[in-house]
Amino acid sequence: MYGFYDVYGIASNSITQGKMPLLVDLQAISVSDNVDYEVILVNTMVDKDLRYLKDRVSTISVECQAAGTNQIMSILVQKIANIVVGQMGGPVTDADEMLRKWTFRSYELRNLMNTIILSIGCLDVGLSRHRALLFKVLADKINLPRSLVKGSYYSGTDDGAVNLIKIDNKRYSDQALCCTLAPVCMHVYVIHNTLLLCFMP
């Protein structure tokens, strides 16, 4: 398997009746159809920007291991989070403003590329769900133990997403992880040896 795609807002679309459409059907939809959902493609084979980001993460991981750095987990999580935030439009100080930027930029990208399907690597503005998805993809590259979860139970909003990162309390300081990640994330919690990483907005 080379990749996957994520569809947001499809459940509210009466045409599909809440069922996940096939990628080939989504590719056939014209940008002029004004669909009310978004499609994000994660496929390294066709996304050179994503390949570049994955290569950066691989290099960082090798450098950390070669240096024998203490608290490698903390450093890797921090560096991946920094890459995600840098790629997705920087830190968020105003969630409403970021939503406006995303709405404008996604419309612009759809028209520029003439498709409703946007590759994650081409996104230079992103909401929490896009940032969490990119973090998941980059963390997977170096086998960082984590899970991507969606919905209000973890993120506080129906359209939010967060990463749960398994940590070892004997080796990594929960407080250090929280302090270093706080500037780039909205919330950082440690619950039962699991780091909950929420990006803004």
C-alpha atoms as a PDB file:
ATOM      1  CA  MET A   1       0.000   0.000   0.000  1.00  0.00           C
ATOM      2  CA  TYR A   2       1.482   3.351  -1.057  1.00  0.00           C
ATOM      3  CA  GLY A   3      -0.923   5.640   0.740  1.00  0.00           C
ATOM      4  CA  PHE A   4      -4.423   6.500   1.824  1.00  0.00           C
ATOM      5  CA  TYR A   5      -6.895   9.358   1.747  1.00  0.00           C
ATOM      6  CA  ASP A   6      -8.881  11.106   4.445  1.00  0.00           C
ATOM      7  CA  VAL A   7     -12.296  12.619   3.806  1.00  0.00           C
ATOM      8  CA  TYR A   8     -13.650  15.213   6.202  1.00  0.00           C
ATOM      9  CA  GLY A   9     -17.304  16.267   6.236  1.00  0.00           C
ATOM     10  CA  ILE A  10     -18.548  13.354   4.139  1.00  0.00           C
ATOM     11  CA  ALA A  11     -21.119  12.198   6.725  1.00  0.00           C
ATOM     12  CA  SER A  12     -23.121  15.374   6.254  1.00  0.00           C
ATOM     13  CA  ASN A  13     -23.258  14.970   2.485  1.00  0.00           C
ATOM     14  CA  SER A  14     -26.646  13.624   1.444  1.00  0.00           C
ATOM     15  CA  ILE A  15     -25.396  12.230  -1.873  1.00  0.00           C
ATOM     16  CA  THR A  16     -22.996   9.747  -0.306  1.00  0.00           C
ATOM     17  CA  GLN A  17     -25.240   9.058   2.725  1.00  0.00           C
ATOM     18  CA  GLY A  18     -22.249   8.923   5.038  1.00  0.00           C
ATOM     19  CA  LYS A  19     -20.354   6.229   3.111  1.00  0.00           C
ATOM     20  CA  MET A  20     -16.695   6.634   2.186  1.00  0.00           C
ATOM     21  CA  PRO A  21     -16.496   7.217  -1.577  1.00  0.00           C
ATOM     22  CA  LEU A  22     -13.849   5.534  -3.712  1.00  0.00           C
ATOM     23  CA  LEU A  23     -10.815   7.607  -4.620  1.00  0.00           C
ATOM     24  CA  VAL A  24     -11.534   7.144  -8.317  1.00  0.00           C
ATOM     25  CA  ASP A  25     -15.002   8.639  -7.818  1.00  0.00           C
ATOM     26  CA  LEU A  26     -13.547  11.589  -5.924  1.00  0.00           C
ATOM     27  CA  GLN A  27     -11.032  12.185  -8.704  1.00  0.00           C
ATOM     28  CA  ALA A  28     -13.917  12.472 -11.173  1.00  0.00           C
ATOM     29  CA  ILE A  29     -15.557  15.337  -9.247  1.00  0.00           C
ATOM     30  CA  SER A  30     -15.038  18.761 -10.775  1.00  0.00           C
ATOM     31  CA  VAL A  31     -13.867  21.678  -8.649  1.00  0.00           C
ATOM     32  CA  SER A  32     -16.848  23.603 -10.004  1.00  0.00           C
ATOM     33  CA  ASP A  33     -19.202  21.135  -8.273  1.00  0.00           C
ATOM     34  CA  ASN A  34     -18.598  23.039  -5.009  1.00  0.00           C
ATOM     35  CA  VAL A  35     -18.543  19.972  -2.740  1.00  0.00           C
ATOM     36  CA  ASP A  36     -18.906  20.625   0.987  1.00  0.00           C
ATOM     37  CA  TYR A  37     -16.236  18.142   2.119  1.00  0.00           C
ATOM     38  CA  GLU A  38     -12.470  17.930   1.819  1.00  0.00           C
ATOM     39  CA  VAL A  39     -10.213  15.137   0.639  1.00  0.00           C
ATOM     40  CA  ILE A  40      -6.588  14.904   1.778  1.00  0.00           C
ATOM     41  CA  LEU A  41      -4.333  12.408   0.000  1.00  0.00           C
ATOM     42  CA  VAL A  42      -1.342  10.838   1.727  1.00  0.00           C
ATOM     43  CA  ASN A  43       0.771   9.162  -0.956  1.00  0.00           C
ATOM     44  CA  THR A  44       4.547   9.451  -1.010  1.00  0.00           C
ATOM     45  CA  MET A  45       4.670   8.084  -4.564  1.00  0.00           C
ATOM     46  CA  VAL A  46       2.983  11.204  -5.996  1.00  0.00           C
ATOM     47  CA  ASP A  47       3.793  13.785  -3.301  1.00  0.00           C
ATOM     48  CA  LYS A  48       7.370  15.067  -3.572  1.00  0.00           C
ATOM     49  CA  ASP A  49       6.827  17.553  -0.749  1.00  0.00           C
ATOM     50  CA  LEU A  50       5.808  14.747   1.597  1.00  0.00           C
ATOM     51  CA  ARG A  51       8.859  12.728   0.529  1.00  0.00           C
ATOM     52  CA  TYR A  52      11.045  15.694   1.444  1.00  0.00           C
ATOM     53  CA  LEU A  53       9.431  16.013   4.889  1.00  0.00           C
ATOM     54  CA  LYS A  54       9.813  12.276   5.537  1.00  0.00           C
ATOM     55  CA  ASP A  55      13.478  12.444   4.530  1.00  0.00           C
ATOM     56  CA  ARG A  56      14.008  15.305   6.990  1.00  0.00           C
ATOM     57  CA  VAL A  57      12.464  13.270   9.800  1.00  0.00           C
ATOM     58  CA  SER A  58      14.569  10.215   8.909  1.00  0.00           C
ATOM     59  CA  THR A  59      17.731  12.321   8.975  1.00  0.00           C
ATOM     60  CA  ILE A  60      16.805  13.834  12.353  1.00  0.00           C
ATOM     61  CA  SER A  61      16.143  10.372  13.775  1.00  0.00           C
ATOM     62  CA  VAL A  62      19.495   9.004  12.563  1.00  0.00           C
ATOM     63  CA  GLU A  63      21.344  12.048  13.904  1.00  0.00           C
ATOM     64  CA  CYS A  64      19.689  11.745  17.335  1.00  0.00           C
ATOM     65  CA  GLN A  65      20.524   8.046  17.589  1.00  0.00           C
ATOM     66  CA  ALA A  66      24.095   8.537  16.362  1.00  0.00           C
ATOM     67  CA  ALA A  67      24.671  11.302  18.919  1.00  0.00           C
ATOM     68  CA  GLY A  68      23.429   9.049  21.693  1.00  0.00           C
ATOM     69  CA  THR A  69      21.241  11.910  22.852  1.00  0.00           C
ATOM     70  CA  ASN A  70      19.394  11.458  26.126  1.00  0.00           C
ATOM     71  CA  GLN A  71      15.611  11.610  25.946  1.00  0.00           C
ATOM     72  CA  ILE A  72      15.512  10.791  22.229  1.00  0.00           C
ATOM     73  CA  MET A  73      11.715  10.433  22.359  1.00  0.00           C
ATOM     74  CA  SER A  74      11.282  13.992  23.655  1.00  0.00           C
ATOM     75  CA  ILE A  75      13.617  15.422  21.028  1.00  0.00           C
ATOM     76  CA  LEU A  76      12.024  13.511  18.151  1.00  0.00           C
ATOM     77  CA  VAL A  77       8.483  14.461  19.148  1.00  0.00           C
ATOM     78  CA  GLN A  78       9.543  18.112  19.488  1.00  0.00           C
ATOM     79  CA  LYS A  79      11.344  18.188  16.150  1.00  0.00           C
ATOM     80  CA  ILE A  80       8.480  16.497  14.275  1.00  0.00           C
ATOM     81  CA  ALA A  81       6.011  18.911  15.891  1.00  0.00           C
ATOM     82  CA  ASN A  82       8.198  21.834  14.793  1.00  0.00           C
ATOM     83  CA  ILE A  83       8.301  20.526  11.219  1.00  0.00           C
ATOM     84  CA  VAL A  84       4.506  20.135  11.194  1.00  0.00           C
ATOM     85  CA  VAL A  85       3.903  23.630  12.552  1.00  0.00           C
ATOM     86  CA  GLY A  86       6.411  25.150  10.119  1.00  0.00           C
ATOM     87  CA  GLN A  87       4.829  23.345   7.177  1.00  0.00           C
ATOM     88  CA  MET A  88       1.243  24.173   8.159  1.00  0.00           C
ATOM     89  CA  GLY A  89       1.439  27.938   8.537  1.00  0.00           C
ATOM     90  CA  GLY A  90       3.217  28.447  11.852  1.00  0.00           C
ATOM     91  CA  PRO A  91       1.918  28.605  15.421  1.00  0.00           C
ATOM     92  CA  VAL A  92      -1.754  29.455  15.822  1.00  0.00           C
ATOM     93  CA  THR A  93      -2.648  32.450  17.949  1.00  0.00           C
ATOM     94  CA  ASP A  94      -6.186  32.917  16.611  1.00  0.00           C
ATOM     95  CA  ALA A  95      -8.179  29.806  15.649  1.00  0.00           C
ATOM     96  CA  ASP A  96     -10.803  31.807  13.723  1.00  0.00           C
ATOM     97  CA  GLU A  97      -8.128  33.529  11.676  1.00  0.00           C
ATOM     98  CA  MET A  98      -6.484  30.171  10.873  1.00  0.00           C
ATOM     99  CA  LEU A  99      -9.867  28.803   9.760  1.00  0.00           C
ATOM    100  CA  ARG A 100     -10.277  31.797   7.438  1.00  0.00           C
ATOM    101  CA  LYS A 101      -6.772  31.220   6.046  1.00  0.00           C
ATOM    102  CA  TRP A 102      -7.511  27.516   5.508  1.00  0.00           C
ATOM    103  CA  THR A 103     -10.828  28.223   3.788  1.00  0.00           C
ATOM    104  CA  PHE A 104      -9.184  30.659   1.386  1.00  0.00           C
ATOM    105  CA  ARG A 105      -6.062  28.563   0.760  1.00  0.00           C
ATOM    106  CA  SER A 106      -7.910  25.279   0.208  1.00  0.00           C
ATOM    107  CA  TYR A 107     -10.184  26.988  -2.343  1.00  0.00           C
ATOM    108  CA  GLU A 108      -7.102  28.449  -4.030  1.00  0.00           C
ATOM    109  CA  LEU A 109      -5.288  25.083  -4.134  1.00  0.00           C
ATOM    110  CA  ARG A 110      -8.324  23.233  -5.502  1.00  0.00           C
ATOM    111  CA  ASN A 111      -8.606  25.701  -8.375  1.00  0.00           C
ATOM    112  CA  LEU A 112      -4.861  25.798  -9.004  1.00  0.00           C
ATOM    113  CA  MET A 113      -4.613  21.988  -9.172  1.00  0.00           C
ATOM    114  CA  ASN A 114      -8.058  21.516 -10.725  1.00  0.00           C
ATOM    115  CA  THR A 115      -9.039  18.812  -8.244  1.00  0.00           C
ATOM    116  CA  ILE A 116     -10.867  18.514  -4.926  1.00  0.00           C
ATOM    117  CA  ILE A 117      -8.134  16.129  -3.713  1.00  0.00           C
ATOM    118  CA  LEU A 118      -5.234  17.861  -1.999  1.00  0.00           C
ATOM    119  CA  SER A 119      -1.961  16.097  -1.233  1.00  0.00           C
ATOM    120  CA  ILE A 120      -0.917  16.650   2.359  1.00  0.00           C
ATOM    121  CA  GLY A 121       2.561  17.755   1.326  1.00  0.00           C
ATOM    122  CA  CYS A 122       1.194  20.709  -0.650  1.00  0.00           C
ATOM    123  CA  LEU A 123      -0.660  22.162   2.338  1.00  0.00           C
ATOM    124  CA  ASP A 124       1.056  25.291   3.644  1.00  0.00           C
ATOM    125  CA  VAL A 125      -1.855  26.136   5.938  1.00  0.00           C
ATOM    126  CA  GLY A 126      -3.532  23.561   8.142  1.00  0.00           C
ATOM    127  CA  LEU A 127      -6.082  23.110  10.882  1.00  0.00           C
ATOM    128  CA  SER A 128      -5.637  20.715  13.804  1.00  0.00           C
ATOM    129  CA  ARG A 129      -6.864  17.725  11.783  1.00  0.00           C
ATOM    130  CA  HIS A 130      -4.308  18.409   9.018  1.00  0.00           C
ATOM    131  CA  ARG A 131      -1.479  18.963  11.502  1.00  0.00           C
ATOM    132  CA  ALA A 132      -2.340  15.810  13.439  1.00  0.00           C
ATOM    133  CA  LEU A 133      -2.478  13.799  10.203  1.00  0.00           C
ATOM    134  CA  LEU A 134       0.906  15.093   9.029  1.00  0.00           C
ATOM    135  CA  PHE A 135       2.423  14.369  12.458  1.00  0.00           C
ATOM    136  CA  LYS A 136       1.078  10.791  12.235  1.00  0.00           C
ATOM    137  CA  VAL A 137       2.574  10.267   8.772  1.00  0.00           C
ATOM    138  CA  LEU A 138       5.980  11.653   9.766  1.00  0.00           C
ATOM    139  CA  ALA A 139       6.039   9.731  13.057  1.00  0.00           C
ATOM    140  CA  ASP A 140       5.199   6.532  11.166  1.00  0.00           C
ATOM    141  CA  LYS A 141       8.302   7.046   9.036  1.00  0.00           C
ATOM    142  CA  ILE A 142      10.533   6.469  12.083  1.00  0.00           C
ATOM    143  CA  ASN A 143       8.206   3.982  13.802  1.00  0.00           C
ATOM    144  CA  LEU A 144       7.370   6.345  16.652  1.00  0.00           C
ATOM    145  CA  PRO A 145       4.666   4.540  18.659  1.00  0.00           C
ATOM    146  CA  ARG A 146       1.525   6.671  18.318  1.00  0.00           C
ATOM    147  CA  SER A 147      -2.148   6.625  17.370  1.00  0.00           C
ATOM    148  CA  LEU A 148      -4.205   9.228  15.545  1.00  0.00           C
ATOM    149  CA  VAL A 149      -7.655   9.713  17.062  1.00  0.00           C
ATOM    150  CA  LYS A 150     -10.462  11.988  15.934  1.00  0.00           C
ATOM    151  CA  GLY A 151     -13.521  13.511  17.485  1.00  0.00           C
ATOM    152  CA  SER A 152     -14.640  15.517  20.476  1.00  0.00           C
ATOM    153  CA  TYR A 153     -13.775  12.909  23.119  1.00  0.00           C
ATOM    154  CA  TYR A 154     -10.054  13.655  22.777  1.00  0.00           C
ATOM    155  CA  SER A 155      -9.872  16.976  20.933  1.00  0.00           C
ATOM    156  CA  GLY A 156     -12.920  18.806  22.274  1.00  0.00           C
ATOM    157  CA  THR A 157     -14.385  19.341  18.792  1.00  0.00           C
ATOM    158  CA  ASP A 158     -16.004  17.019  16.264  1.00  0.00           C
ATOM    159  CA  ASP A 159     -13.591  18.070  13.535  1.00  0.00           C
ATOM    160  CA  GLY A 160     -10.455  17.884  15.685  1.00  0.00           C
ATOM    161  CA  ALA A 161      -7.773  15.196  15.759  1.00  0.00           C
ATOM    162  CA  VAL A 162      -4.918  14.417  18.126  1.00  0.00           C
ATOM    163  CA  ASN A 163      -1.965  12.073  18.368  1.00  0.00           C
ATOM    164  CA  LEU A 164      -1.543   9.713  21.297  1.00  0.00           C
ATOM    165  CA  ILE A 165       2.151   8.945  21.752  1.00  0.00           C
ATOM    166  CA  LYS A 166       3.271   6.044  23.928  1.00  0.00           C
ATOM    167  CA  ILE A 167       6.062   7.041  26.273  1.00  0.00           C
ATOM    168  CA  ASP A 168       8.137   5.350  28.955  1.00  0.00           C
ATOM    169  CA  ASN A 169       8.028   7.251  32.237  1.00  0.00           C
ATOM    170  CA  LYS A 170      11.274   5.633  33.359  1.00  0.00           C
ATOM    171  CA  ARG A 171      13.208   7.188  30.511  1.00  0.00           C
ATOM    172  CA  TYR A 172      11.378  10.361  29.553  1.00  0.00           C
ATOM    173  CA  SER A 173      10.243  13.262  31.678  1.00  0.00           C
ATOM    174  CA  ASP A 174       6.519  13.972  31.234  1.00  0.00           C
ATOM    175  CA  GLN A 175       7.035  17.522  32.433  1.00  0.00           C
ATOM    176  CA  ALA A 176       9.877  18.106  29.964  1.00  0.00           C
ATOM    177  CA  LEU A 177       7.784  16.817  27.085  1.00  0.00           C
ATOM    178  CA  CYS A 178       4.862  19.066  28.037  1.00  0.00           C
ATOM    179  CA  CYS A 179       7.032  22.154  28.460  1.00  0.00           C
ATOM    180  CA  THR A 180       8.913  21.789  25.179  1.00  0.00           C
ATOM    181  CA  LEU A 181       5.778  21.053  23.134  1.00  0.00           C
ATOM    182  CA  ALA A 182       3.510  23.691  24.666  1.00  0.00           C
ATOM    183  CA  PRO A 183       4.592  26.528  22.325  1.00  0.00           C
ATOM    184  CA  VAL A 184       3.622  24.602  19.167  1.00  0.00           C
ATOM    185  CA  CYS A 185       0.557  22.746  20.436  1.00  0.00           C
ATOM    186  CA  MET A 186      -2.695  23.832  22.005  1.00  0.00           C
ATOM    187  CA  HIS A 187      -2.706  21.165  24.712  1.00  0.00           C
ATOM    188  CA  VAL A 188      -0.175  18.602  25.868  1.00  0.00           C
ATOM    189  CA  TYR A 189      -1.190  16.038  28.491  1.00  0.00           C
ATOM    190  CA  VAL A 190       0.376  12.876  29.847  1.00  0.00           C
ATOM    191  CA  ILE A 191      -2.133  10.242  30.944  1.00  0.00           C
ATOM    192  CA  HIS A 192      -1.148   6.654  31.866  1.00  0.00           C
ATOM    193  CA  ASN A 193       2.203   6.731  30.015  1.00  0.00           C
ATOM    194  CA  THR A 194       0.569   8.271  26.919  1.00  0.00           C
ATOM    195  CA  LEU A 195       1.326  11.736  25.597  1.00  0.00           C
ATOM    196  CA  LEU A 196      -1.758  13.481  24.183  1.00  0.00           C
ATOM    197  CA  LEU A 197      -0.588  15.965  21.560  1.00  0.00           C
ATOM    198  CA  CYS A 198      -3.178  18.480  20.286  1.00  0.00           C
ATOM    199  CA  PHE A 199      -2.334  21.017  17.610  1.00  0.00           C
ATOM    200  CA  MET A 200      -4.117  24.353  17.306  1.00  0.00           C
ATOM    201  CA  PRO A 201      -6.724  25.261  16.243  1.00  0.00           C
END
